[in-house]
Amino acid sequence: MEASETVIRLGVFASIFALMAAWEVFAPRRPLAVGRAPRWPSNFGIVVVDSVVVRLLLPTAAVGIAVIASQRGVGIFHLLAWPDWLAGLLGFVVLDLVIYAQHVTFHHVPMLWRAHRMHHADLDIDITTGLRFHPFEIVLSMLVKMATVALFGIPAVAVVAFEVTLNATAMFNHSNVRMPDWLDRLARCVVVTPDMHRIHHSVAVGETNSNFGFNLPWWDRLFGTYRREPAAGQDGMTIGLPIFRDPAELRLDRLLTQPFRAAHE
């Protein structure tokens, strides 16, 4: 299962990245303020660091927990003896709701926000922003997913599907791509679109604390965190945070130390 998951994840990652990167070139939504050259090496560097840290600290990850839970009959779905297709479908939705709640929590708990704010400190938003998360946040997020999988007994296939989808939609909804308004409105019924999520990366606090969803757009509407458009419009809003606006903060070493520093350090 682990080997298959790796192949599937890498294949989907490469395909979605190539598609969205090409879309950004041929139909960009906004001009980039800083550009790719100062940002992409560090954003990709974070992906490498995250992968190594997770592999060393949590080698079984969420899929391994799902396999163990299935073998031992652990979790709510196993106790209820629900069919795999139903447990898988509900498990996917449960994981998405948990990730939404985790995201909201990371914004409102100061210690957690210090780790998460590195994601928001990017001075542009494009496909690589969707890969840019501090290792502390990645480890905590994986622990949350592992606990959720164990508690509910979510099937391993559903966990793989969720992880692959989450990675793909994170790249999609962080992409700097232009979609027709009618298509964006239609797509928002089933998935978080780039125009919807981009608002979450505005420097305006009220907009930063909105549109928390990654996969499904329903939670923001249900819990009152949905915002249709930014006050300054998609072209007029400023991306990033009021702090860490020095381009030097785009370096990999500065990204890794951001949670431990104040803006002026």
C-alpha atoms as a PDB file:
ATOM      1  CA  MET A   1       0.000   0.000   0.000  1.00  0.00           C
ATOM      2  CA  GLU A   2       2.795   2.423   0.936  1.00  0.00           C
ATOM      3  CA  ALA A   3       4.656   1.931  -2.360  1.00  0.00           C
ATOM      4  CA  SER A   4       1.449   2.287  -4.371  1.00  0.00           C
ATOM      5  CA  GLU A   5       0.529   5.437  -2.455  1.00  0.00           C
ATOM      6  CA  THR A   6       3.907   6.984  -3.235  1.00  0.00           C
ATOM      7  CA  VAL A   7       3.593   6.240  -6.954  1.00  0.00           C
ATOM      8  CA  ILE A   8       0.035   7.579  -7.083  1.00  0.00           C
ATOM      9  CA  ARG A   9       0.883  10.730  -5.150  1.00  0.00           C
ATOM     10  CA  LEU A  10       3.967  11.515  -7.234  1.00  0.00           C
ATOM     11  CA  GLY A  11       2.107  10.863 -10.473  1.00  0.00           C
ATOM     12  CA  VAL A  12      -0.829  13.100  -9.569  1.00  0.00           C
ATOM     13  CA  PHE A  13       1.507  15.755  -8.157  1.00  0.00           C
ATOM     14  CA  ALA A  14       3.590  15.927 -11.340  1.00  0.00           C
ATOM     15  CA  SER A  15       0.519  15.999 -13.587  1.00  0.00           C
ATOM     16  CA  ILE A  16      -1.353  18.692 -11.665  1.00  0.00           C
ATOM     17  CA  PHE A  17       1.760  20.792 -11.195  1.00  0.00           C
ATOM     18  CA  ALA A  18       2.572  20.720 -14.911  1.00  0.00           C
ATOM     19  CA  LEU A  19      -1.019  21.563 -15.854  1.00  0.00           C
ATOM     20  CA  MET A  20      -1.383  24.449 -13.401  1.00  0.00           C
ATOM     21  CA  ALA A  21       2.088  25.840 -14.097  1.00  0.00           C
ATOM     22  CA  ALA A  22       1.264  25.961 -17.822  1.00  0.00           C
ATOM     23  CA  TRP A  23      -2.111  27.561 -17.080  1.00  0.00           C
ATOM     24  CA  GLU A  24      -0.384  30.232 -14.993  1.00  0.00           C
ATOM     25  CA  VAL A  25       1.884  31.076 -17.923  1.00  0.00           C
ATOM     26  CA  PHE A  26      -0.830  31.287 -20.567  1.00  0.00           C
ATOM     27  CA  ALA A  27      -3.712  32.735 -18.497  1.00  0.00           C
ATOM     28  CA  PRO A  28      -2.450  34.398 -15.287  1.00  0.00           C
ATOM     29  CA  ARG A  29      -5.002  35.978 -12.938  1.00  0.00           C
ATOM     30  CA  ARG A  30      -2.708  38.676 -11.515  1.00  0.00           C
ATOM     31  CA  PRO A  31       0.760  40.030 -12.339  1.00  0.00           C
ATOM     32  CA  LEU A  32       3.312  38.685  -9.859  1.00  0.00           C
ATOM     33  CA  ALA A  33       4.740  41.315  -7.515  1.00  0.00           C
ATOM     34  CA  VAL A  34       8.009  39.484  -6.839  1.00  0.00           C
ATOM     35  CA  GLY A  35       8.076  36.743  -9.434  1.00  0.00           C
ATOM     36  CA  ARG A  36       9.121  33.116  -9.466  1.00  0.00           C
ATOM     37  CA  ALA A  37      12.922  33.292  -9.291  1.00  0.00           C
ATOM     38  CA  PRO A  38      13.160  34.699  -5.732  1.00  0.00           C
ATOM     39  CA  ARG A  39      10.417  32.387  -4.421  1.00  0.00           C
ATOM     40  CA  TRP A  40      10.351  29.006  -6.139  1.00  0.00           C
ATOM     41  CA  PRO A  41      13.719  27.626  -4.931  1.00  0.00           C
ATOM     42  CA  SER A  42      12.769  28.189  -1.277  1.00  0.00           C
ATOM     43  CA  ASN A  43       9.193  26.997  -1.744  1.00  0.00           C
ATOM     44  CA  PHE A  44      10.456  23.768  -3.306  1.00  0.00           C
ATOM     45  CA  GLY A  45      13.120  23.552  -0.609  1.00  0.00           C
ATOM     46  CA  ILE A  46      10.389  23.547   2.031  1.00  0.00           C
ATOM     47  CA  VAL A  47       8.739  20.587   0.282  1.00  0.00           C
ATOM     48  CA  VAL A  48      11.985  18.612   0.522  1.00  0.00           C
ATOM     49  CA  VAL A  49      12.434  19.494   4.204  1.00  0.00           C
ATOM     50  CA  ASP A  50       8.811  18.580   4.973  1.00  0.00           C
ATOM     51  CA  SER A  51       9.106  15.230   3.202  1.00  0.00           C
ATOM     52  CA  VAL A  52      12.274  14.293   5.082  1.00  0.00           C
ATOM     53  CA  VAL A  53      10.875  15.372   8.461  1.00  0.00           C
ATOM     54  CA  VAL A  54       7.626  13.426   8.030  1.00  0.00           C
ATOM     55  CA  ARG A  55       9.474  10.345   6.803  1.00  0.00           C
ATOM     56  CA  LEU A  56      11.794  10.423   9.827  1.00  0.00           C
ATOM     57  CA  LEU A  57       9.251  11.292  12.532  1.00  0.00           C
ATOM     58  CA  LEU A  58       6.077   9.641  11.241  1.00  0.00           C
ATOM     59  CA  PRO A  59       7.082   6.801   8.914  1.00  0.00           C
ATOM     60  CA  THR A  60       3.677   5.069   9.028  1.00  0.00           C
ATOM     61  CA  ALA A  61       1.731   8.291   8.337  1.00  0.00           C
ATOM     62  CA  ALA A  62      -2.059   8.259   8.040  1.00  0.00           C
ATOM     63  CA  VAL A  63      -2.249   5.376   5.575  1.00  0.00           C
ATOM     64  CA  GLY A  64      -0.274   3.114   7.888  1.00  0.00           C
ATOM     65  CA  ILE A  65      -2.640   3.937  10.739  1.00  0.00           C
ATOM     66  CA  ALA A  66      -5.601   3.096   8.493  1.00  0.00           C
ATOM     67  CA  VAL A  67      -4.131  -0.323   7.703  1.00  0.00           C
ATOM     68  CA  ILE A  68      -3.461  -1.031  11.388  1.00  0.00           C
ATOM     69  CA  ALA A  69      -6.959   0.117  12.370  1.00  0.00           C
ATOM     70  CA  SER A  70      -8.478  -2.180   9.728  1.00  0.00           C
ATOM     71  CA  GLN A  71      -6.442  -5.170  10.869  1.00  0.00           C
ATOM     72  CA  ARG A  72      -7.454  -4.660  14.489  1.00  0.00           C
ATOM     73  CA  GLY A  73     -11.034  -3.528  13.903  1.00  0.00           C
ATOM     74  CA  VAL A  74     -10.395  -0.178  15.570  1.00  0.00           C
ATOM     75  CA  GLY A  75     -12.559   2.881  14.931  1.00  0.00           C
ATOM     76  CA  ILE A  76     -16.204   3.923  14.770  1.00  0.00           C
ATOM     77  CA  PHE A  77     -16.804   2.680  11.226  1.00  0.00           C
ATOM     78  CA  HIS A  78     -15.419  -0.771  12.058  1.00  0.00           C
ATOM     79  CA  LEU A  79     -17.513  -1.010  15.228  1.00  0.00           C
ATOM     80  CA  LEU A  80     -20.637  -0.097  13.261  1.00  0.00           C
ATOM     81  CA  ALA A  81     -19.666  -2.645  10.584  1.00  0.00           C
ATOM     82  CA  TRP A  82     -20.482  -0.200   7.794  1.00  0.00           C
ATOM     83  CA  PRO A  83     -19.595  -1.251   4.235  1.00  0.00           C
ATOM     84  CA  ASP A  84     -16.234  -0.034   2.975  1.00  0.00           C
ATOM     85  CA  TRP A  85     -17.733   2.244   0.320  1.00  0.00           C
ATOM     86  CA  LEU A  86     -19.821   4.110   2.900  1.00  0.00           C
ATOM     87  CA  ALA A  87     -16.986   4.277   5.440  1.00  0.00           C
ATOM     88  CA  GLY A  88     -14.695   5.543   2.696  1.00  0.00           C
ATOM     89  CA  LEU A  89     -17.086   8.228   1.489  1.00  0.00           C
ATOM     90  CA  LEU A  90     -17.902   9.467   4.981  1.00  0.00           C
ATOM     91  CA  GLY A  91     -14.253   9.175   5.984  1.00  0.00           C
ATOM     92  CA  PHE A  92     -13.228  11.490   3.147  1.00  0.00           C
ATOM     93  CA  VAL A  93     -15.807  14.077   4.228  1.00  0.00           C
ATOM     94  CA  VAL A  94     -14.801  13.747   7.904  1.00  0.00           C
ATOM     95  CA  LEU A  95     -11.133  14.291   7.054  1.00  0.00           C
ATOM     96  CA  ASP A  96     -11.993  17.367   5.015  1.00  0.00           C
ATOM     97  CA  LEU A  97     -14.043  18.832   7.874  1.00  0.00           C
ATOM     98  CA  VAL A  98     -11.225  18.115  10.332  1.00  0.00           C
ATOM     99  CA  ILE A  99      -8.681  19.849   8.073  1.00  0.00           C
ATOM    100  CA  TYR A 100     -11.018  22.855   7.808  1.00  0.00           C
ATOM    101  CA  ALA A 101     -11.305  22.980  11.629  1.00  0.00           C
ATOM    102  CA  GLN A 102      -7.556  22.571  11.975  1.00  0.00           C
ATOM    103  CA  HIS A 103      -6.986  25.458   9.573  1.00  0.00           C
ATOM    104  CA  VAL A 104      -9.313  27.734  11.552  1.00  0.00           C
ATOM    105  CA  THR A 105      -7.562  26.723  14.769  1.00  0.00           C
ATOM    106  CA  PHE A 106      -4.132  27.522  13.344  1.00  0.00           C
ATOM    107  CA  HIS A 107      -5.360  31.033  12.611  1.00  0.00           C
ATOM    108  CA  HIS A 108      -6.767  31.686  16.071  1.00  0.00           C
ATOM    109  CA  VAL A 109      -4.290  30.046  18.453  1.00  0.00           C
ATOM    110  CA  PRO A 110      -1.235  32.350  18.632  1.00  0.00           C
ATOM    111  CA  MET A 111       1.374  29.595  18.999  1.00  0.00           C
ATOM    112  CA  LEU A 112      -0.053  27.676  16.050  1.00  0.00           C
ATOM    113  CA  TRP A 113      -0.408  30.829  13.976  1.00  0.00           C
ATOM    114  CA  ARG A 114       3.347  31.446  14.328  1.00  0.00           C
ATOM    115  CA  ALA A 115       3.924  28.180  12.447  1.00  0.00           C
ATOM    116  CA  HIS A 116       1.132  28.685   9.915  1.00  0.00           C
ATOM    117  CA  ARG A 117       1.919  32.317   9.085  1.00  0.00           C
ATOM    118  CA  MET A 118       4.945  31.225   7.025  1.00  0.00           C
ATOM    119  CA  HIS A 119       2.433  29.931   4.467  1.00  0.00           C
ATOM    120  CA  HIS A 120       0.806  33.365   4.355  1.00  0.00           C
ATOM    121  CA  ALA A 121       4.067  35.334   4.242  1.00  0.00           C
ATOM    122  CA  ASP A 122       4.614  34.540   0.548  1.00  0.00           C
ATOM    123  CA  LEU A 123       4.605  37.859  -1.325  1.00  0.00           C
ATOM    124  CA  ASP A 124       2.855  36.313  -4.318  1.00  0.00           C
ATOM    125  CA  ILE A 125       0.404  33.452  -4.529  1.00  0.00           C
ATOM    126  CA  ASP A 126       0.884  30.797  -7.157  1.00  0.00           C
ATOM    127  CA  ILE A 127       1.069  27.021  -7.436  1.00  0.00           C
ATOM    128  CA  THR A 128       4.152  26.775  -5.200  1.00  0.00           C
ATOM    129  CA  THR A 129       2.407  28.619  -2.362  1.00  0.00           C
ATOM    130  CA  GLY A 130       0.172  25.567  -2.048  1.00  0.00           C
ATOM    131  CA  LEU A 131       3.274  23.524  -1.192  1.00  0.00           C
ATOM    132  CA  ARG A 132       4.773  26.006   1.269  1.00  0.00           C
ATOM    133  CA  PHE A 133       4.071  24.921   4.864  1.00  0.00           C
ATOM    134  CA  HIS A 134       6.393  24.917   7.847  1.00  0.00           C
ATOM    135  CA  PRO A 135       7.570  21.453   8.971  1.00  0.00           C
ATOM    136  CA  PHE A 136       5.999  22.016  12.407  1.00  0.00           C
ATOM    137  CA  GLU A 137       2.621  22.540  10.774  1.00  0.00           C
ATOM    138  CA  ILE A 138       3.047  19.530   8.496  1.00  0.00           C
ATOM    139  CA  VAL A 139       3.882  17.257  11.442  1.00  0.00           C
ATOM    140  CA  LEU A 140       0.992  18.572  13.551  1.00  0.00           C
ATOM    141  CA  SER A 141      -1.394  18.217  10.630  1.00  0.00           C
ATOM    142  CA  MET A 142      -0.289  14.647  10.033  1.00  0.00           C
ATOM    143  CA  LEU A 143      -0.804  13.823  13.727  1.00  0.00           C
ATOM    144  CA  VAL A 144      -4.327  15.254  13.512  1.00  0.00           C
ATOM    145  CA  LYS A 145      -5.079  13.158  10.423  1.00  0.00           C
ATOM    146  CA  MET A 146      -3.631  10.032  12.017  1.00  0.00           C
ATOM    147  CA  ALA A 147      -5.784  10.519  15.119  1.00  0.00           C
ATOM    148  CA  THR A 148      -8.877  11.082  12.959  1.00  0.00           C
ATOM    149  CA  VAL A 149      -8.203   7.982  10.883  1.00  0.00           C
ATOM    150  CA  ALA A 150      -7.756   5.865  14.040  1.00  0.00           C
ATOM    151  CA  LEU A 151     -10.842   7.291  15.760  1.00  0.00           C
ATOM    152  CA  PHE A 152     -13.179   6.678  12.827  1.00  0.00           C
ATOM    153  CA  GLY A 153     -11.448   3.648  11.301  1.00  0.00           C
ATOM    154  CA  ILE A 154     -11.288   5.271   7.876  1.00  0.00           C
ATOM    155  CA  PRO A 155     -10.317   2.787   5.124  1.00  0.00           C
ATOM    156  CA  ALA A 156      -6.793   3.113   3.727  1.00  0.00           C
ATOM    157  CA  VAL A 157      -8.108   3.646   0.169  1.00  0.00           C
ATOM    158  CA  ALA A 158     -10.120   6.662   1.358  1.00  0.00           C
ATOM    159  CA  VAL A 159      -7.076   8.054   3.168  1.00  0.00           C
ATOM    160  CA  VAL A 160      -4.959   7.782   0.022  1.00  0.00           C
ATOM    161  CA  ALA A 161      -7.751   9.385  -2.019  1.00  0.00           C
ATOM    162  CA  PHE A 162      -8.015  12.227   0.475  1.00  0.00           C
ATOM    163  CA  GLU A 163      -4.261  12.861   0.629  1.00  0.00           C
ATOM    164  CA  VAL A 164      -3.961  12.863  -3.163  1.00  0.00           C
ATOM    165  CA  THR A 165      -6.992  15.123  -3.558  1.00  0.00           C
ATOM    166  CA  LEU A 166      -5.799  17.513  -0.844  1.00  0.00           C
ATOM    167  CA  ASN A 167      -2.418  17.863  -2.512  1.00  0.00           C
ATOM    168  CA  ALA A 168      -4.002  18.395  -5.931  1.00  0.00           C
ATOM    169  CA  THR A 169      -6.589  20.924  -4.777  1.00  0.00           C
ATOM    170  CA  ALA A 170      -3.975  22.835  -2.744  1.00  0.00           C
ATOM    171  CA  MET A 171      -2.001  23.356  -5.946  1.00  0.00           C
ATOM    172  CA  PHE A 172      -5.157  24.170  -7.899  1.00  0.00           C
ATOM    173  CA  ASN A 173      -6.662  26.709  -5.521  1.00  0.00           C
ATOM    174  CA  HIS A 174      -3.361  28.485  -4.871  1.00  0.00           C
ATOM    175  CA  SER A 175      -2.673  28.828  -8.587  1.00  0.00           C
ATOM    176  CA  ASN A 176      -2.462  32.215 -10.249  1.00  0.00           C
ATOM    177  CA  VAL A 177      -4.888  31.270 -13.005  1.00  0.00           C
ATOM    178  CA  ARG A 178      -7.770  33.063 -14.659  1.00  0.00           C
ATOM    179  CA  MET A 179     -11.153  31.352 -14.925  1.00  0.00           C
ATOM    180  CA  PRO A 180     -14.317  32.760 -16.514  1.00  0.00           C
ATOM    181  CA  ASP A 181     -16.638  34.150 -13.851  1.00  0.00           C
ATOM    182  CA  TRP A 182     -19.423  31.735 -14.768  1.00  0.00           C
ATOM    183  CA  LEU A 183     -17.081  28.777 -14.418  1.00  0.00           C
ATOM    184  CA  ASP A 184     -15.750  30.017 -11.079  1.00  0.00           C
ATOM    185  CA  ARG A 185     -19.295  30.407  -9.708  1.00  0.00           C
ATOM    186  CA  LEU A 186     -20.219  26.918 -10.904  1.00  0.00           C
ATOM    187  CA  ALA A 187     -17.017  25.285  -9.628  1.00  0.00           C
ATOM    188  CA  ARG A 188     -17.452  26.850  -6.171  1.00  0.00           C
ATOM    189  CA  CYS A 189     -20.412  24.554  -5.642  1.00  0.00           C
ATOM    190  CA  VAL A 190     -18.107  21.539  -5.421  1.00  0.00           C
ATOM    191  CA  VAL A 191     -14.513  22.694  -4.962  1.00  0.00           C
ATOM    192  CA  VAL A 192     -12.532  25.648  -3.598  1.00  0.00           C
ATOM    193  CA  THR A 193     -11.448  27.708  -6.609  1.00  0.00           C
ATOM    194  CA  PRO A 194      -8.345  29.917  -6.977  1.00  0.00           C
ATOM    195  CA  ASP A 195     -10.403  33.135  -6.824  1.00  0.00           C
ATOM    196  CA  MET A 196     -12.124  31.886  -3.666  1.00  0.00           C
ATOM    197  CA  HIS A 197      -8.973  30.845  -1.828  1.00  0.00           C
ATOM    198  CA  ARG A 198      -6.841  33.781  -2.982  1.00  0.00           C
ATOM    199  CA  ILE A 199      -8.945  36.024  -0.717  1.00  0.00           C
ATOM    200  CA  HIS A 200      -7.603  34.014   2.226  1.00  0.00           C
ATOM    201  CA  HIS A 201      -4.102  35.299   1.357  1.00  0.00           C
ATOM    202  CA  SER A 202      -5.054  38.977   1.494  1.00  0.00           C
ATOM    203  CA  VAL A 203      -3.178  41.243   3.940  1.00  0.00           C
ATOM    204  CA  ALA A 204      -6.558  42.399   5.306  1.00  0.00           C
ATOM    205  CA  VAL A 205      -7.147  40.460   8.535  1.00  0.00           C
ATOM    206  CA  GLY A 206     -10.878  40.014   7.947  1.00  0.00           C
ATOM    207  CA  GLU A 207     -10.131  38.449   4.574  1.00  0.00           C
ATOM    208  CA  THR A 208      -7.236  36.338   5.870  1.00  0.00           C
ATOM    209  CA  ASN A 209      -9.686  34.858   8.394  1.00  0.00           C
ATOM    210  CA  SER A 210     -12.111  33.701   5.708  1.00  0.00           C
ATOM    211  CA  ASN A 211     -12.335  30.957   3.068  1.00  0.00           C
ATOM    212  CA  PHE A 212     -10.431  28.339   5.082  1.00  0.00           C
ATOM    213  CA  GLY A 213     -11.452  25.361   2.960  1.00  0.00           C
ATOM    214  CA  PHE A 214      -9.004  23.447   0.735  1.00  0.00           C
ATOM    215  CA  ASN A 215     -11.083  20.741  -0.925  1.00  0.00           C
ATOM    216  CA  LEU A 216     -14.777  21.263  -0.284  1.00  0.00           C
ATOM    217  CA  PRO A 217     -16.241  24.795  -0.216  1.00  0.00           C
ATOM    218  CA  TRP A 218     -19.218  23.863   1.944  1.00  0.00           C
ATOM    219  CA  TRP A 219     -17.680  24.333   5.402  1.00  0.00           C
ATOM    220  CA  ASP A 220     -17.018  28.042   4.934  1.00  0.00           C
ATOM    221  CA  ARG A 221     -20.632  28.639   3.967  1.00  0.00           C
ATOM    222  CA  LEU A 222     -21.934  26.417   6.764  1.00  0.00           C
ATOM    223  CA  PHE A 223     -19.838  28.008   9.513  1.00  0.00           C
ATOM    224  CA  GLY A 224     -20.012  31.616   8.314  1.00  0.00           C
ATOM    225  CA  THR A 225     -16.410  32.049   7.152  1.00  0.00           C
ATOM    226  CA  TYR A 226     -17.197  32.440   3.454  1.00  0.00           C
ATOM    227  CA  ARG A 227     -16.338  35.641   1.589  1.00  0.00           C
ATOM    228  CA  ARG A 228     -17.387  36.074  -2.036  1.00  0.00           C
ATOM    229  CA  GLU A 229     -14.906  38.763  -3.096  1.00  0.00           C
ATOM    230  CA  PRO A 230     -12.092  40.830  -1.523  1.00  0.00           C
ATOM    231  CA  ALA A 231     -12.869  44.463  -0.741  1.00  0.00           C
ATOM    232  CA  ALA A 232     -10.206  45.729  -3.150  1.00  0.00           C
ATOM    233  CA  GLY A 233     -11.091  43.202  -5.853  1.00  0.00           C
ATOM    234  CA  GLN A 234      -8.945  40.335  -7.088  1.00  0.00           C
ATOM    235  CA  ASP A 235      -6.587  42.656  -8.936  1.00  0.00           C
ATOM    236  CA  GLY A 236      -6.391  45.292  -6.226  1.00  0.00           C
ATOM    237  CA  MET A 237      -5.797  43.263  -3.055  1.00  0.00           C
ATOM    238  CA  THR A 238      -2.306  42.851  -1.611  1.00  0.00           C
ATOM    239  CA  ILE A 239      -1.045  39.314  -1.042  1.00  0.00           C
ATOM    240  CA  GLY A 240       0.843  38.294   2.099  1.00  0.00           C
ATOM    241  CA  LEU A 241       1.064  39.612   5.636  1.00  0.00           C
ATOM    242  CA  PRO A 242       1.679  43.136   6.944  1.00  0.00           C
ATOM    243  CA  ILE A 243       4.853  41.657   8.507  1.00  0.00           C
ATOM    244  CA  PHE A 244       7.723  39.803   6.805  1.00  0.00           C
ATOM    245  CA  ARG A 245       7.504  41.870   3.629  1.00  0.00           C
ATOM    246  CA  ASP A 246      11.258  42.116   3.131  1.00  0.00           C
ATOM    247  CA  PRO A 247      12.148  39.988   0.077  1.00  0.00           C
ATOM    248  CA  ALA A 248      14.993  38.533   2.167  1.00  0.00           C
ATOM    249  CA  GLU A 249      12.285  36.659   4.080  1.00  0.00           C
ATOM    250  CA  LEU A 250      11.777  34.506   0.986  1.00  0.00           C
ATOM    251  CA  ARG A 251      15.039  32.650   1.665  1.00  0.00           C
ATOM    252  CA  LEU A 252      14.733  29.083   2.914  1.00  0.00           C
ATOM    253  CA  ASP A 253      16.623  29.724   6.143  1.00  0.00           C
ATOM    254  CA  ARG A 254      14.364  32.677   6.928  1.00  0.00           C
ATOM    255  CA  LEU A 255      11.240  30.625   6.204  1.00  0.00           C
ATOM    256  CA  LEU A 256      12.330  27.925   8.630  1.00  0.00           C
ATOM    257  CA  THR A 257      13.057  30.411  11.429  1.00  0.00           C
ATOM    258  CA  GLN A 258       9.975  32.629  10.962  1.00  0.00           C
ATOM    259  CA  PRO A 259       7.944  30.992  13.772  1.00  0.00           C
ATOM    260  CA  PHE A 260      10.673  31.924  16.231  1.00  0.00           C
ATOM    261  CA  ARG A 261      11.127  35.540  15.164  1.00  0.00           C
ATOM    262  CA  ALA A 262       9.261  38.823  15.376  1.00  0.00           C
ATOM    263  CA  ALA A 263       8.789  40.829  12.194  1.00  0.00           C
ATOM    264  CA  HIS A 264      11.685  43.201  12.922  1.00  0.00           C
ATOM    265  CA  GLU A 265      14.274  40.475  13.592  1.00  0.00           C
END
